[in-house]
Amino acid sequence: MALFKLEVSLPDRPGSLGAMASAIGFAGGDIRGLQVIKSENGRGFDEVTVAIPGSDPTDLLNVLGQIGGVEVLSCNPA
């Protein structure tokens, strides 16, 4: 498994983080760390460390991109 550190922006409302976590699991990923960075203007900004099968995060990024309001700001090897 490969580790990636994602910086994400998502709606600051109940259920948004849960939807993102479910999508990560659906893509075969495992959350290894989560840090809430800030909340402003109705958006939450988080840093999520995710372990994924293989070494290509494309499937994970595609699944996260299908969640309304979730924006992956960066994705880097951890």
C-alpha atoms as a PDB file:
ATOM      1  CA  MET A   1       0.000   0.000   0.000  1.00  0.00           C
ATOM      2  CA  ALA A   2       1.129   3.545  -0.739  1.00  0.00           C
ATOM      3  CA  LEU A   3       0.551   6.543   1.536  1.00  0.00           C
ATOM      4  CA  PHE A   4      -0.723   9.864   0.217  1.00  0.00           C
ATOM      5  CA  LYS A   5      -1.369  13.125   2.007  1.00  0.00           C
ATOM      6  CA  LEU A   6      -4.456  14.900   0.672  1.00  0.00           C
ATOM      7  CA  GLU A   7      -5.453  18.478   1.348  1.00  0.00           C
ATOM      8  CA  VAL A   8      -9.188  18.747   0.857  1.00  0.00           C
ATOM      9  CA  SER A   9     -11.898  21.366   1.056  1.00  0.00           C
ATOM     10  CA  LEU A  10     -15.457  20.295   1.770  1.00  0.00           C
ATOM     11  CA  PRO A  11     -18.741  21.822   2.877  1.00  0.00           C
ATOM     12  CA  ASP A  12     -18.718  22.579   6.605  1.00  0.00           C
ATOM     13  CA  ARG A  13     -21.931  20.755   7.423  1.00  0.00           C
ATOM     14  CA  PRO A  14     -22.915  17.505   9.152  1.00  0.00           C
ATOM     15  CA  GLY A  15     -22.200  14.410   7.065  1.00  0.00           C
ATOM     16  CA  SER A  16     -19.601  15.878   4.694  1.00  0.00           C
ATOM     17  CA  LEU A  17     -16.632  14.290   6.425  1.00  0.00           C
ATOM     18  CA  GLY A  18     -18.501  10.985   6.724  1.00  0.00           C
ATOM     19  CA  ALA A  19     -19.293  10.992   3.009  1.00  0.00           C
ATOM     20  CA  MET A  20     -15.643  11.609   2.210  1.00  0.00           C
ATOM     21  CA  ALA A  21     -14.515   8.814   4.562  1.00  0.00           C
ATOM     22  CA  SER A  22     -17.000   6.398   2.975  1.00  0.00           C
ATOM     23  CA  ALA A  23     -15.753   7.308  -0.501  1.00  0.00           C
ATOM     24  CA  ILE A  24     -12.152   6.667   0.564  1.00  0.00           C
ATOM     25  CA  GLY A  25     -13.178   3.222   1.809  1.00  0.00           C
ATOM     26  CA  PHE A  26     -15.143   2.557  -1.387  1.00  0.00           C
ATOM     27  CA  ALA A  27     -11.954   3.271  -3.375  1.00  0.00           C
ATOM     28  CA  GLY A  28     -10.059   0.706  -1.257  1.00  0.00           C
ATOM     29  CA  GLY A  29      -8.309   3.329   0.851  1.00  0.00           C
ATOM     30  CA  ASP A  30      -7.652   3.359   4.570  1.00  0.00           C
ATOM     31  CA  ILE A  31      -7.492   6.638   6.496  1.00  0.00           C
ATOM     32  CA  ARG A  32      -4.287   6.712   8.542  1.00  0.00           C
ATOM     33  CA  GLY A  33      -4.510  10.296   9.789  1.00  0.00           C
ATOM     34  CA  LEU A  34      -6.828  13.290   9.756  1.00  0.00           C
ATOM     35  CA  GLN A  35      -6.195  16.853  10.812  1.00  0.00           C
ATOM     36  CA  VAL A  36      -8.754  19.621  10.662  1.00  0.00           C
ATOM     37  CA  ILE A  37      -6.875  22.689   9.438  1.00  0.00           C
ATOM     38  CA  LYS A  38      -9.554  25.375   9.516  1.00  0.00           C
ATOM     39  CA  SER A  39     -13.136  26.303   8.790  1.00  0.00           C
ATOM     40  CA  GLU A  40     -14.055  29.491   6.987  1.00  0.00           C
ATOM     41  CA  ASN A  41     -16.827  30.781   4.761  1.00  0.00           C
ATOM     42  CA  GLY A  42     -18.837  27.566   5.127  1.00  0.00           C
ATOM     43  CA  ARG A  43     -15.931  25.315   4.052  1.00  0.00           C
ATOM     44  CA  GLY A  44     -13.787  22.942   6.056  1.00  0.00           C
ATOM     45  CA  PHE A  45     -10.136  22.407   5.166  1.00  0.00           C
ATOM     46  CA  ASP A  46      -8.596  19.095   6.217  1.00  0.00           C
ATOM     47  CA  GLU A  47      -5.396  17.143   5.728  1.00  0.00           C
ATOM     48  CA  VAL A  48      -6.008  13.419   5.301  1.00  0.00           C
ATOM     49  CA  THR A  49      -3.341  10.712   5.124  1.00  0.00           C
ATOM     50  CA  VAL A  50      -4.636   7.736   3.156  1.00  0.00           C
ATOM     51  CA  ALA A  51      -3.143   4.316   2.400  1.00  0.00           C
ATOM     52  CA  ILE A  52      -4.243   2.940  -0.969  1.00  0.00           C
ATOM     53  CA  PRO A  53      -3.586  -0.335  -2.784  1.00  0.00           C
ATOM     54  CA  GLY A  54      -0.885   0.065  -5.409  1.00  0.00           C
ATOM     55  CA  SER A  55       0.857   3.344  -6.059  1.00  0.00           C
ATOM     56  CA  ASP A  56      -1.531   5.321  -8.286  1.00  0.00           C
ATOM     57  CA  PRO A  57      -4.071   7.570  -6.499  1.00  0.00           C
ATOM     58  CA  THR A  58      -6.147   8.196  -9.662  1.00  0.00           C
ATOM     59  CA  ASP A  59      -9.081   5.971  -8.613  1.00  0.00           C
ATOM     60  CA  LEU A  60      -9.201   7.612  -5.193  1.00  0.00           C
ATOM     61  CA  LEU A  61      -9.153  11.105  -6.701  1.00  0.00           C
ATOM     62  CA  ASN A  62     -11.900  10.182  -9.178  1.00  0.00           C
ATOM     63  CA  VAL A  63     -14.156   8.857  -6.402  1.00  0.00           C
ATOM     64  CA  LEU A  64     -13.584  11.944  -4.246  1.00  0.00           C
ATOM     65  CA  GLY A  65     -14.282  14.176  -7.242  1.00  0.00           C
ATOM     66  CA  GLN A  66     -17.753  12.654  -7.549  1.00  0.00           C
ATOM     67  CA  ILE A  67     -18.801  13.848  -4.098  1.00  0.00           C
ATOM     68  CA  GLY A  68     -20.652  17.129  -4.326  1.00  0.00           C
ATOM     69  CA  GLY A  69     -18.673  19.965  -2.800  1.00  0.00           C
ATOM     70  CA  VAL A  70     -15.461  18.036  -2.126  1.00  0.00           C
ATOM     71  CA  GLU A  71     -12.360  19.503  -3.722  1.00  0.00           C
ATOM     72  CA  VAL A  72      -8.932  17.874  -3.513  1.00  0.00           C
ATOM     73  CA  LEU A  73      -6.510  20.784  -3.277  1.00  0.00           C
ATOM     74  CA  SER A  74      -3.356  18.645  -3.354  1.00  0.00           C
ATOM     75  CA  CYS A  75      -2.291  14.997  -3.341  1.00  0.00           C
ATOM     76  CA  ASN A  76       1.313  14.122  -2.486  1.00  0.00           C
ATOM     77  CA  PRO A  77       3.149  10.979  -1.405  1.00  0.00           C
ATOM     78  CA  ALA A  78       3.360  10.855   2.391  1.00  0.00           C
END
